[in-house]
């Protein structure tokens, strides 16, 4: 029996990094039947038949998993954003931040393309919301070593909309990969999806990083629906004010005496963060528990 981590899944095959090297595997049929198909990032146990063919027999218990990116056991999500060509909507970052909080996963906000635009407003916004922020340029290499130190020893995934430079940054972190990139459309303001599948790349020092397919739309199911009653606790900048509202069941919308909305009015919580909360609250409110 061999143990390892799935570093790539493609066309029904799983590629498991073991002490003996990369083992190409199929998964046992029971995984499809019980709805626990293996994911990139899973720690697994494999057997090898007499012909050298591998089979995944057991998936170890996951610490977390995501639907998009389809990956498990992440220590950190690195949200790659940009303030130019394409401009990242903060709502997308906020939605991913909530998903990371629910999964017990660190969120790192990486503002790329700083050679074209420094992204100062995005930097201030997310530092104020208590998230680690790193400024990079895949074009000139600025910030790349600082990013490497920030993710050292972790299993991470890049995520973010297409064209922000996720694959270019990965090439900077590991030049030998020479992964394919594409130009951003000047007309549409977004990039082509050069990454077609999730793959974990070994950067050394027990650091793994996944490049994931990008997306232009952010109305996506990335994980389970979060109950609306739990949503406010997933906004780090809301937490100092929770429990201080007039009503114990305050939804932090239009209730009088709401400490959260008062903090927004006082400039202690960014208006864009609160607008994201409202949008996500509406999405959660549309979901019924019996639909699970």
C-alpha atoms as a PDB file:
ATOM      1  CA  UNK A   1       0.000   0.000   0.000  1.00  0.00           C
ATOM      2  CA  UNK A   2       1.383   3.394  -0.981  1.00  0.00           C
ATOM      3  CA  UNK A   3       0.445   6.756   0.506  1.00  0.00           C
ATOM      4  CA  UNK A   4       0.485  10.095  -1.235  1.00  0.00           C
ATOM      5  CA  UNK A   5      -1.306  13.235  -2.331  1.00  0.00           C
ATOM      6  CA  UNK A   6      -3.344  13.652  -5.521  1.00  0.00           C
ATOM      7  CA  UNK A   7      -1.645  16.345  -7.571  1.00  0.00           C
ATOM      8  CA  UNK A   8      -3.734  16.109 -10.749  1.00  0.00           C
ATOM      9  CA  UNK A   9      -7.063  14.675 -11.901  1.00  0.00           C
ATOM     10  CA  UNK A  10      -7.695  14.375 -15.609  1.00  0.00           C
ATOM     11  CA  UNK A  11     -10.062  12.279 -17.740  1.00  0.00           C
ATOM     12  CA  UNK A  12     -10.840   9.794 -14.973  1.00  0.00           C
ATOM     13  CA  UNK A  13      -7.216   9.307 -13.954  1.00  0.00           C
ATOM     14  CA  UNK A  14      -5.625  10.522 -10.726  1.00  0.00           C
ATOM     15  CA  UNK A  15      -1.932  11.288 -10.433  1.00  0.00           C
ATOM     16  CA  UNK A  16      -0.670  10.623  -6.930  1.00  0.00           C
ATOM     17  CA  UNK A  17       2.674  11.912  -5.672  1.00  0.00           C
ATOM     18  CA  UNK A  18       4.224   9.217  -3.474  1.00  0.00           C
ATOM     19  CA  UNK A  19       7.694   8.653  -2.068  1.00  0.00           C
ATOM     20  CA  UNK A  20       8.352   6.401  -5.069  1.00  0.00           C
ATOM     21  CA  UNK A  21       7.258   9.046  -7.604  1.00  0.00           C
ATOM     22  CA  UNK A  22       4.050   9.888  -9.472  1.00  0.00           C
ATOM     23  CA  UNK A  23       1.588   6.993  -9.664  1.00  0.00           C
ATOM     24  CA  UNK A  24      -1.227   7.057 -12.235  1.00  0.00           C
ATOM     25  CA  UNK A  25      -4.374   5.644 -10.649  1.00  0.00           C
ATOM     26  CA  UNK A  26      -8.005   4.861 -11.183  1.00  0.00           C
ATOM     27  CA  UNK A  27     -10.374   5.171  -8.245  1.00  0.00           C
ATOM     28  CA  UNK A  28     -12.404   2.323  -6.808  1.00  0.00           C
ATOM     29  CA  UNK A  29     -15.971   2.297  -8.084  1.00  0.00           C
ATOM     30  CA  UNK A  30     -17.432   2.706  -4.619  1.00  0.00           C
ATOM     31  CA  UNK A  31     -16.239   6.330  -4.516  1.00  0.00           C
ATOM     32  CA  UNK A  32     -18.653   7.232  -7.330  1.00  0.00           C
ATOM     33  CA  UNK A  33     -21.471   5.347  -5.638  1.00  0.00           C
ATOM     34  CA  UNK A  34     -21.163   7.071  -2.275  1.00  0.00           C
ATOM     35  CA  UNK A  35     -20.491  10.524  -3.739  1.00  0.00           C
ATOM     36  CA  UNK A  36     -16.968  10.903  -2.363  1.00  0.00           C
ATOM     37  CA  UNK A  37     -14.958  10.985  -5.569  1.00  0.00           C
ATOM     38  CA  UNK A  38     -11.303  11.866  -4.904  1.00  0.00           C
ATOM     39  CA  UNK A  39     -10.175  15.471  -5.370  1.00  0.00           C
ATOM     40  CA  UNK A  40      -6.840  17.092  -6.065  1.00  0.00           C
ATOM     41  CA  UNK A  41      -5.234  17.656  -2.669  1.00  0.00           C
ATOM     42  CA  UNK A  42      -6.672  14.507  -1.110  1.00  0.00           C
ATOM     43  CA  UNK A  43      -4.331  12.343   0.927  1.00  0.00           C
ATOM     44  CA  UNK A  44      -4.893   8.800  -0.302  1.00  0.00           C
ATOM     45  CA  UNK A  45      -3.773   5.191  -0.003  1.00  0.00           C
ATOM     46  CA  UNK A  46      -3.182   3.266  -3.193  1.00  0.00           C
ATOM     47  CA  UNK A  47      -2.512  -0.289  -4.266  1.00  0.00           C
ATOM     48  CA  UNK A  48      -0.551  -1.399  -7.326  1.00  0.00           C
ATOM     49  CA  UNK A  49      -1.368  -4.538  -9.296  1.00  0.00           C
ATOM     50  CA  UNK A  50       1.114  -6.898 -10.927  1.00  0.00           C
ATOM     51  CA  UNK A  51       1.013  -4.880 -14.146  1.00  0.00           C
ATOM     52  CA  UNK A  52       1.993  -1.709 -12.300  1.00  0.00           C
ATOM     53  CA  UNK A  53      -1.469  -0.112 -12.500  1.00  0.00           C
ATOM     54  CA  UNK A  54      -2.441   2.003  -9.528  1.00  0.00           C
ATOM     55  CA  UNK A  55      -5.776   2.135  -7.732  1.00  0.00           C
ATOM     56  CA  UNK A  56      -6.966   4.537  -5.043  1.00  0.00           C
ATOM     57  CA  UNK A  57      -8.393   2.422  -2.243  1.00  0.00           C
ATOM     58  CA  UNK A  58      -8.846   4.968   0.528  1.00  0.00           C
ATOM     59  CA  UNK A  59      -9.256   8.733   0.843  1.00  0.00           C
ATOM     60  CA  UNK A  60      -8.110  10.100   4.179  1.00  0.00           C
ATOM     61  CA  UNK A  61     -10.384  12.426   6.110  1.00  0.00           C
ATOM     62  CA  UNK A  62     -10.437  15.921   4.596  1.00  0.00           C
ATOM     63  CA  UNK A  63      -9.931  19.136   6.573  1.00  0.00           C
ATOM     64  CA  UNK A  64     -11.939  21.011   3.920  1.00  0.00           C
ATOM     65  CA  UNK A  65     -12.948  20.863   0.284  1.00  0.00           C
ATOM     66  CA  UNK A  66     -14.110  23.258  -2.402  1.00  0.00           C
ATOM     67  CA  UNK A  67     -16.299  22.919  -5.460  1.00  0.00           C
ATOM     68  CA  UNK A  68     -14.570  25.663  -7.423  1.00  0.00           C
ATOM     69  CA  UNK A  69     -11.648  25.259  -7.367  1.00  0.00           C
ATOM     70  CA  UNK A  70     -12.237  21.477  -7.082  1.00  0.00           C
ATOM     71  CA  UNK A  71      -9.573  20.850  -4.489  1.00  0.00           C
ATOM     72  CA  UNK A  72      -9.300  19.539  -0.929  1.00  0.00           C
ATOM     73  CA  UNK A  73      -7.199  20.116   2.186  1.00  0.00           C
ATOM     74  CA  UNK A  74      -6.156  23.681   1.483  1.00  0.00           C
ATOM     75  CA  UNK A  75      -4.239  25.680   4.062  1.00  0.00           C
ATOM     76  CA  UNK A  76      -4.752  28.896   2.111  1.00  0.00           C
ATOM     77  CA  UNK A  77      -6.613  30.355  -0.838  1.00  0.00           C
ATOM     78  CA  UNK A  78      -4.616  33.015  -2.652  1.00  0.00           C
ATOM     79  CA  UNK A  79      -7.059  35.353  -4.334  1.00  0.00           C
ATOM     80  CA  UNK A  80      -5.231  36.988  -7.232  1.00  0.00           C
ATOM     81  CA  UNK A  81      -6.811  40.340  -8.068  1.00  0.00           C
ATOM     82  CA  UNK A  82      -5.914  43.296 -10.254  1.00  0.00           C
ATOM     83  CA  UNK A  83      -7.008  46.891 -10.576  1.00  0.00           C
ATOM     84  CA  UNK A  84      -6.394  46.988 -14.310  1.00  0.00           C
ATOM     85  CA  UNK A  85      -7.243  44.843 -17.340  1.00  0.00           C
ATOM     86  CA  UNK A  86      -9.313  43.192 -15.866  1.00  0.00           C
ATOM     87  CA  UNK A  87     -10.434  45.155 -12.819  1.00  0.00           C
ATOM     88  CA  UNK A  88     -11.475  42.783 -10.028  1.00  0.00           C
ATOM     89  CA  UNK A  89     -14.864  43.418  -8.438  1.00  0.00           C
ATOM     90  CA  UNK A  90     -14.407  43.425  -4.630  1.00  0.00           C
ATOM     91  CA  UNK A  91     -17.619  41.395  -4.321  1.00  0.00           C
ATOM     92  CA  UNK A  92     -15.807  38.423  -5.818  1.00  0.00           C
ATOM     93  CA  UNK A  93     -13.049  38.691  -3.212  1.00  0.00           C
ATOM     94  CA  UNK A  94     -15.635  39.058  -0.458  1.00  0.00           C
ATOM     95  CA  UNK A  95     -17.521  35.977  -1.560  1.00  0.00           C
ATOM     96  CA  UNK A  96     -14.346  33.920  -1.598  1.00  0.00           C
ATOM     97  CA  UNK A  97     -13.357  35.335   1.802  1.00  0.00           C
ATOM     98  CA  UNK A  98     -16.612  34.028   3.293  1.00  0.00           C
ATOM     99  CA  UNK A  99     -16.075  30.610   1.752  1.00  0.00           C
ATOM    100  CA  UNK A 100     -12.523  30.507   3.133  1.00  0.00           C
ATOM    101  CA  UNK A 101     -13.767  31.446   6.613  1.00  0.00           C
ATOM    102  CA  UNK A 102     -16.371  28.660   6.504  1.00  0.00           C
ATOM    103  CA  UNK A 103     -13.700  26.151   5.491  1.00  0.00           C
ATOM    104  CA  UNK A 104     -11.194  27.202   8.151  1.00  0.00           C
ATOM    105  CA  UNK A 105      -8.823  28.214   5.383  1.00  0.00           C
ATOM    106  CA  UNK A 106      -6.606  31.297   5.303  1.00  0.00           C
ATOM    107  CA  UNK A 107      -7.330  33.888   2.601  1.00  0.00           C
ATOM    108  CA  UNK A 108      -4.420  35.833   1.136  1.00  0.00           C
ATOM    109  CA  UNK A 109      -5.280  38.749  -1.144  1.00  0.00           C
ATOM    110  CA  UNK A 110      -2.637  39.091  -3.859  1.00  0.00           C
ATOM    111  CA  UNK A 111      -2.907  42.272  -5.918  1.00  0.00           C
ATOM    112  CA  UNK A 112      -1.077  41.613  -9.181  1.00  0.00           C
ATOM    113  CA  UNK A 113      -0.159  43.812 -12.160  1.00  0.00           C
ATOM    114  CA  UNK A 114       1.146  46.522  -9.848  1.00  0.00           C
ATOM    115  CA  UNK A 115       3.520  47.593 -12.615  1.00  0.00           C
ATOM    116  CA  UNK A 116       0.393  48.883 -14.399  1.00  0.00           C
ATOM    117  CA  UNK A 117      -1.699  49.993 -11.410  1.00  0.00           C
ATOM    118  CA  UNK A 118      -0.632  49.889  -7.737  1.00  0.00           C
ATOM    119  CA  UNK A 119      -4.092  48.828  -6.556  1.00  0.00           C
ATOM    120  CA  UNK A 120      -3.865  51.060  -3.501  1.00  0.00           C
ATOM    121  CA  UNK A 121      -7.640  51.172  -2.875  1.00  0.00           C
ATOM    122  CA  UNK A 122      -7.885  47.370  -2.885  1.00  0.00           C
ATOM    123  CA  UNK A 123      -4.871  47.146  -0.592  1.00  0.00           C
ATOM    124  CA  UNK A 124      -6.382  49.564   1.948  1.00  0.00           C
ATOM    125  CA  UNK A 125      -9.769  47.835   1.779  1.00  0.00           C
ATOM    126  CA  UNK A 126      -8.504  44.348   2.623  1.00  0.00           C
ATOM    127  CA  UNK A 127      -5.843  45.354   5.110  1.00  0.00           C
ATOM    128  CA  UNK A 128      -8.602  47.203   6.989  1.00  0.00           C
ATOM    129  CA  UNK A 129     -10.706  44.011   6.853  1.00  0.00           C
ATOM    130  CA  UNK A 130      -7.816  42.141   8.548  1.00  0.00           C
ATOM    131  CA  UNK A 131      -6.658  40.020   5.607  1.00  0.00           C
ATOM    132  CA  UNK A 132      -3.002  39.571   4.624  1.00  0.00           C
ATOM    133  CA  UNK A 133      -2.320  41.485   1.397  1.00  0.00           C
ATOM    134  CA  UNK A 134       0.641  41.034  -0.927  1.00  0.00           C
ATOM    135  CA  UNK A 135       1.454  43.280  -3.913  1.00  0.00           C
ATOM    136  CA  UNK A 136       3.022  41.592  -6.935  1.00  0.00           C
ATOM    137  CA  UNK A 137       3.905  41.998 -10.571  1.00  0.00           C
ATOM    138  CA  UNK A 138       4.422  38.900 -12.655  1.00  0.00           C
ATOM    139  CA  UNK A 139       5.847  41.223 -15.319  1.00  0.00           C
ATOM    140  CA  UNK A 140       8.819  42.523 -13.314  1.00  0.00           C
ATOM    141  CA  UNK A 141       8.926  40.049 -10.425  1.00  0.00           C
ATOM    142  CA  UNK A 142       8.055  42.544  -7.693  1.00  0.00           C
ATOM    143  CA  UNK A 143       6.674  40.868  -4.571  1.00  0.00           C
ATOM    144  CA  UNK A 144       7.147  37.318  -5.861  1.00  0.00           C
ATOM    145  CA  UNK A 145       9.689  36.329  -3.197  1.00  0.00           C
ATOM    146  CA  UNK A 146       7.473  37.817  -0.478  1.00  0.00           C
ATOM    147  CA  UNK A 147       4.592  35.742  -1.834  1.00  0.00           C
ATOM    148  CA  UNK A 148       6.790  32.649  -1.801  1.00  0.00           C
ATOM    149  CA  UNK A 149       7.581  33.222   1.885  1.00  0.00           C
ATOM    150  CA  UNK A 150       3.903  33.806   2.706  1.00  0.00           C
ATOM    151  CA  UNK A 151       2.830  30.440   1.252  1.00  0.00           C
ATOM    152  CA  UNK A 152       5.889  28.435   2.335  1.00  0.00           C
ATOM    153  CA  UNK A 153       5.027  25.034   3.802  1.00  0.00           C
ATOM    154  CA  UNK A 154       1.349  25.295   2.845  1.00  0.00           C
ATOM    155  CA  UNK A 155      -1.010  23.645   0.381  1.00  0.00           C
ATOM    156  CA  UNK A 156      -2.521  26.585  -1.491  1.00  0.00           C
ATOM    157  CA  UNK A 157      -4.589  27.395  -4.546  1.00  0.00           C
ATOM    158  CA  UNK A 158      -4.673  30.470  -6.709  1.00  0.00           C
ATOM    159  CA  UNK A 159      -8.170  31.644  -7.524  1.00  0.00           C
ATOM    160  CA  UNK A 160      -9.632  34.744  -9.134  1.00  0.00           C
ATOM    161  CA  UNK A 161     -11.133  35.919 -12.380  1.00  0.00           C
ATOM    162  CA  UNK A 162      -9.523  35.170 -15.732  1.00  0.00           C
ATOM    163  CA  UNK A 163      -6.691  37.357 -16.900  1.00  0.00           C
ATOM    164  CA  UNK A 164      -5.403  38.612 -13.540  1.00  0.00           C
ATOM    165  CA  UNK A 165      -2.161  36.671 -13.915  1.00  0.00           C
ATOM    166  CA  UNK A 166      -2.523  33.539 -11.782  1.00  0.00           C
ATOM    167  CA  UNK A 167      -0.580  31.334 -14.198  1.00  0.00           C
ATOM    168  CA  UNK A 168       2.025  34.040 -14.822  1.00  0.00           C
ATOM    169  CA  UNK A 169       2.664  34.288 -11.079  1.00  0.00           C
ATOM    170  CA  UNK A 170       3.006  30.522 -10.830  1.00  0.00           C
ATOM    171  CA  UNK A 171       5.577  30.632 -13.626  1.00  0.00           C
ATOM    172  CA  UNK A 172       7.476  33.265 -11.608  1.00  0.00           C
ATOM    173  CA  UNK A 173       7.406  31.062  -8.500  1.00  0.00           C
ATOM    174  CA  UNK A 174       8.583  28.034 -10.471  1.00  0.00           C
ATOM    175  CA  UNK A 175      10.078  29.091 -13.835  1.00  0.00           C
ATOM    176  CA  UNK A 176      10.693  25.510 -14.914  1.00  0.00           C
ATOM    177  CA  UNK A 177       6.964  24.897 -15.280  1.00  0.00           C
ATOM    178  CA  UNK A 178       6.637  27.186 -18.329  1.00  0.00           C
ATOM    179  CA  UNK A 179       2.845  27.057 -18.139  1.00  0.00           C
ATOM    180  CA  UNK A 180       0.843  28.500 -20.999  1.00  0.00           C
ATOM    181  CA  UNK A 181      -0.624  31.980 -20.574  1.00  0.00           C
ATOM    182  CA  UNK A 182      -2.833  34.124 -22.807  1.00  0.00           C
ATOM    183  CA  UNK A 183      -3.304  37.814 -23.445  1.00  0.00           C
ATOM    184  CA  UNK A 184      -6.233  39.704 -21.954  1.00  0.00           C
ATOM    185  CA  UNK A 185      -8.794  40.923 -24.470  1.00  0.00           C
ATOM    186  CA  UNK A 186      -8.738  44.725 -24.687  1.00  0.00           C
ATOM    187  CA  UNK A 187     -12.345  44.689 -25.887  1.00  0.00           C
ATOM    188  CA  UNK A 188     -13.774  42.415 -23.197  1.00  0.00           C
ATOM    189  CA  UNK A 189     -11.356  43.245 -20.380  1.00  0.00           C
ATOM    190  CA  UNK A 190     -10.873  39.628 -19.406  1.00  0.00           C
ATOM    191  CA  UNK A 191      -8.549  36.774 -20.153  1.00  0.00           C
ATOM    192  CA  UNK A 192      -8.962  33.434 -21.834  1.00  0.00           C
ATOM    193  CA  UNK A 193      -9.182  30.314 -19.670  1.00  0.00           C
ATOM    194  CA  UNK A 194      -5.690  28.939 -20.205  1.00  0.00           C
ATOM    195  CA  UNK A 195      -5.938  26.591 -17.197  1.00  0.00           C
ATOM    196  CA  UNK A 196      -8.307  23.712 -17.968  1.00  0.00           C
ATOM    197  CA  UNK A 197      -7.973  21.580 -14.874  1.00  0.00           C
ATOM    198  CA  UNK A 198      -6.785  21.797 -11.292  1.00  0.00           C
ATOM    199  CA  UNK A 199      -3.227  20.674 -10.665  1.00  0.00           C
ATOM    200  CA  UNK A 200      -1.000  20.921  -7.599  1.00  0.00           C
ATOM    201  CA  UNK A 201       2.568  21.957  -8.324  1.00  0.00           C
ATOM    202  CA  UNK A 202       5.360  21.085  -5.925  1.00  0.00           C
ATOM    203  CA  UNK A 203       7.346  24.259  -5.199  1.00  0.00           C
ATOM    204  CA  UNK A 204       9.643  22.524  -2.707  1.00  0.00           C
ATOM    205  CA  UNK A 205       9.908  23.064   1.045  1.00  0.00           C
ATOM    206  CA  UNK A 206       6.619  21.148   1.462  1.00  0.00           C
ATOM    207  CA  UNK A 207       4.804  23.858  -0.493  1.00  0.00           C
ATOM    208  CA  UNK A 208       2.137  22.962  -3.029  1.00  0.00           C
ATOM    209  CA  UNK A 209       0.285  25.455  -5.168  1.00  0.00           C
ATOM    210  CA  UNK A 210      -2.641  24.862  -7.480  1.00  0.00           C
ATOM    211  CA  UNK A 211      -3.393  26.948 -10.527  1.00  0.00           C
ATOM    212  CA  UNK A 212      -7.128  26.747 -11.176  1.00  0.00           C
ATOM    213  CA  UNK A 213      -9.410  27.566 -14.105  1.00  0.00           C
ATOM    214  CA  UNK A 214     -10.308  31.242 -13.985  1.00  0.00           C
ATOM    215  CA  UNK A 215     -13.754  32.699 -14.386  1.00  0.00           C
ATOM    216  CA  UNK A 216     -15.312  35.964 -15.456  1.00  0.00           C
ATOM    217  CA  UNK A 217     -18.631  35.471 -13.670  1.00  0.00           C
ATOM    218  CA  UNK A 218     -18.824  35.193  -9.902  1.00  0.00           C
ATOM    219  CA  UNK A 219     -22.377  33.901  -9.458  1.00  0.00           C
ATOM    220  CA  UNK A 220     -20.939  30.463  -8.803  1.00  0.00           C
ATOM    221  CA  UNK A 221     -21.572  27.653  -6.362  1.00  0.00           C
ATOM    222  CA  UNK A 222     -18.144  27.285  -4.801  1.00  0.00           C
ATOM    223  CA  UNK A 223     -19.211  25.452  -1.679  1.00  0.00           C
ATOM    224  CA  UNK A 224     -22.338  24.732   0.322  1.00  0.00           C
ATOM    225  CA  UNK A 225     -24.881  27.496   0.871  1.00  0.00           C
ATOM    226  CA  UNK A 226     -24.067  29.370   4.079  1.00  0.00           C
ATOM    227  CA  UNK A 227     -27.083  29.938   6.357  1.00  0.00           C
ATOM    228  CA  UNK A 228     -27.935  33.627   6.452  1.00  0.00           C
ATOM    229  CA  UNK A 229     -27.813  33.603  10.259  1.00  0.00           C
ATOM    230  CA  UNK A 230     -24.117  32.594  10.122  1.00  0.00           C
ATOM    231  CA  UNK A 231     -23.024  34.944   7.379  1.00  0.00           C
ATOM    232  CA  UNK A 232     -22.108  38.026   9.441  1.00  0.00           C
ATOM    233  CA  UNK A 233     -19.610  36.028  11.512  1.00  0.00           C
ATOM    234  CA  UNK A 234     -17.697  35.222   8.311  1.00  0.00           C
ATOM    235  CA  UNK A 235     -16.958  38.932   7.763  1.00  0.00           C
ATOM    236  CA  UNK A 236     -13.896  39.578   9.924  1.00  0.00           C
ATOM    237  CA  UNK A 237     -14.488  43.317  10.064  1.00  0.00           C
ATOM    238  CA  UNK A 238     -18.037  42.751  11.385  1.00  0.00           C
ATOM    239  CA  UNK A 239     -16.948  40.653  14.359  1.00  0.00           C
ATOM    240  CA  UNK A 240     -16.111  43.485  16.810  1.00  0.00           C
ATOM    241  CA  UNK A 241     -19.726  44.663  16.512  1.00  0.00           C
ATOM    242  CA  UNK A 242     -21.585  41.355  16.657  1.00  0.00           C
ATOM    243  CA  UNK A 243     -23.542  40.853  19.856  1.00  0.00           C
ATOM    244  CA  UNK A 244     -23.765  44.604  20.425  1.00  0.00           C
ATOM    245  CA  UNK A 245     -26.990  45.194  18.489  1.00  0.00           C
ATOM    246  CA  UNK A 246     -30.286  46.132  20.165  1.00  0.00           C
ATOM    247  CA  UNK A 247     -31.900  42.880  19.021  1.00  0.00           C
ATOM    248  CA  UNK A 248     -30.303  39.479  19.585  1.00  0.00           C
ATOM    249  CA  UNK A 249     -31.575  38.176  16.226  1.00  0.00           C
ATOM    250  CA  UNK A 250     -30.425  41.254  14.292  1.00  0.00           C
ATOM    251  CA  UNK A 251     -29.828  40.495  10.619  1.00  0.00           C
ATOM    252  CA  UNK A 252     -27.744  43.683  10.273  1.00  0.00           C
ATOM    253  CA  UNK A 253     -29.960  45.019   7.518  1.00  0.00           C
ATOM    254  CA  UNK A 254     -32.487  47.713   8.452  1.00  0.00           C
ATOM    255  CA  UNK A 255     -33.014  47.009  12.149  1.00  0.00           C
ATOM    256  CA  UNK A 256     -32.777  49.985  14.539  1.00  0.00           C
ATOM    257  CA  UNK A 257     -29.858  49.909  16.920  1.00  0.00           C
ATOM    258  CA  UNK A 258     -27.710  47.687  14.704  1.00  0.00           C
ATOM    259  CA  UNK A 259     -24.059  48.014  15.690  1.00  0.00           C
ATOM    260  CA  UNK A 260     -22.885  46.804  12.265  1.00  0.00           C
ATOM    261  CA  UNK A 261     -24.804  49.380  10.206  1.00  0.00           C
ATOM    262  CA  UNK A 262     -23.754  52.063  12.685  1.00  0.00           C
ATOM    263  CA  UNK A 263     -20.127  51.035  12.124  1.00  0.00           C
ATOM    264  CA  UNK A 264     -20.640  51.335   8.371  1.00  0.00           C
ATOM    265  CA  UNK A 265     -22.104  54.816   8.804  1.00  0.00           C
ATOM    266  CA  UNK A 266     -19.149  55.785  11.015  1.00  0.00           C
ATOM    267  CA  UNK A 267     -16.625  54.621   8.399  1.00  0.00           C
ATOM    268  CA  UNK A 268     -15.370  51.708  10.510  1.00  0.00           C
ATOM    269  CA  UNK A 269     -16.594  49.102   7.997  1.00  0.00           C
ATOM    270  CA  UNK A 270     -16.102  49.734   4.279  1.00  0.00           C
ATOM    271  CA  UNK A 271     -19.371  50.311   2.369  1.00  0.00           C
ATOM    272  CA  UNK A 272     -18.311  47.826  -0.337  1.00  0.00           C
ATOM    273  CA  UNK A 273     -17.879  45.111   2.279  1.00  0.00           C
ATOM    274  CA  UNK A 274     -21.348  45.808   3.635  1.00  0.00           C
ATOM    275  CA  UNK A 275     -22.857  45.771   0.114  1.00  0.00           C
ATOM    276  CA  UNK A 276     -21.254  42.368  -0.405  1.00  0.00           C
ATOM    277  CA  UNK A 277     -22.831  41.174   2.836  1.00  0.00           C
ATOM    278  CA  UNK A 278     -26.250  42.331   1.634  1.00  0.00           C
ATOM    279  CA  UNK A 279     -25.866  40.523  -1.692  1.00  0.00           C
ATOM    280  CA  UNK A 280     -24.711  37.312  -0.051  1.00  0.00           C
ATOM    281  CA  UNK A 281     -27.462  37.545   2.557  1.00  0.00           C
ATOM    282  CA  UNK A 282     -30.050  37.702  -0.230  1.00  0.00           C
ATOM    283  CA  UNK A 283     -28.514  34.628  -1.870  1.00  0.00           C
ATOM    284  CA  UNK A 284     -28.545  32.724   1.415  1.00  0.00           C
ATOM    285  CA  UNK A 285     -32.126  33.809   2.188  1.00  0.00           C
ATOM    286  CA  UNK A 286     -33.309  32.262  -1.081  1.00  0.00           C
ATOM    287  CA  UNK A 287     -32.040  28.841   0.014  1.00  0.00           C
ATOM    288  CA  UNK A 288     -34.345  26.591   2.048  1.00  0.00           C
ATOM    289  CA  UNK A 289     -32.885  24.096   4.522  1.00  0.00           C
ATOM    290  CA  UNK A 290     -35.111  21.320   3.173  1.00  0.00           C
ATOM    291  CA  UNK A 291     -33.444  21.688  -0.239  1.00  0.00           C
ATOM    292  CA  UNK A 292     -30.169  20.236   1.098  1.00  0.00           C
END
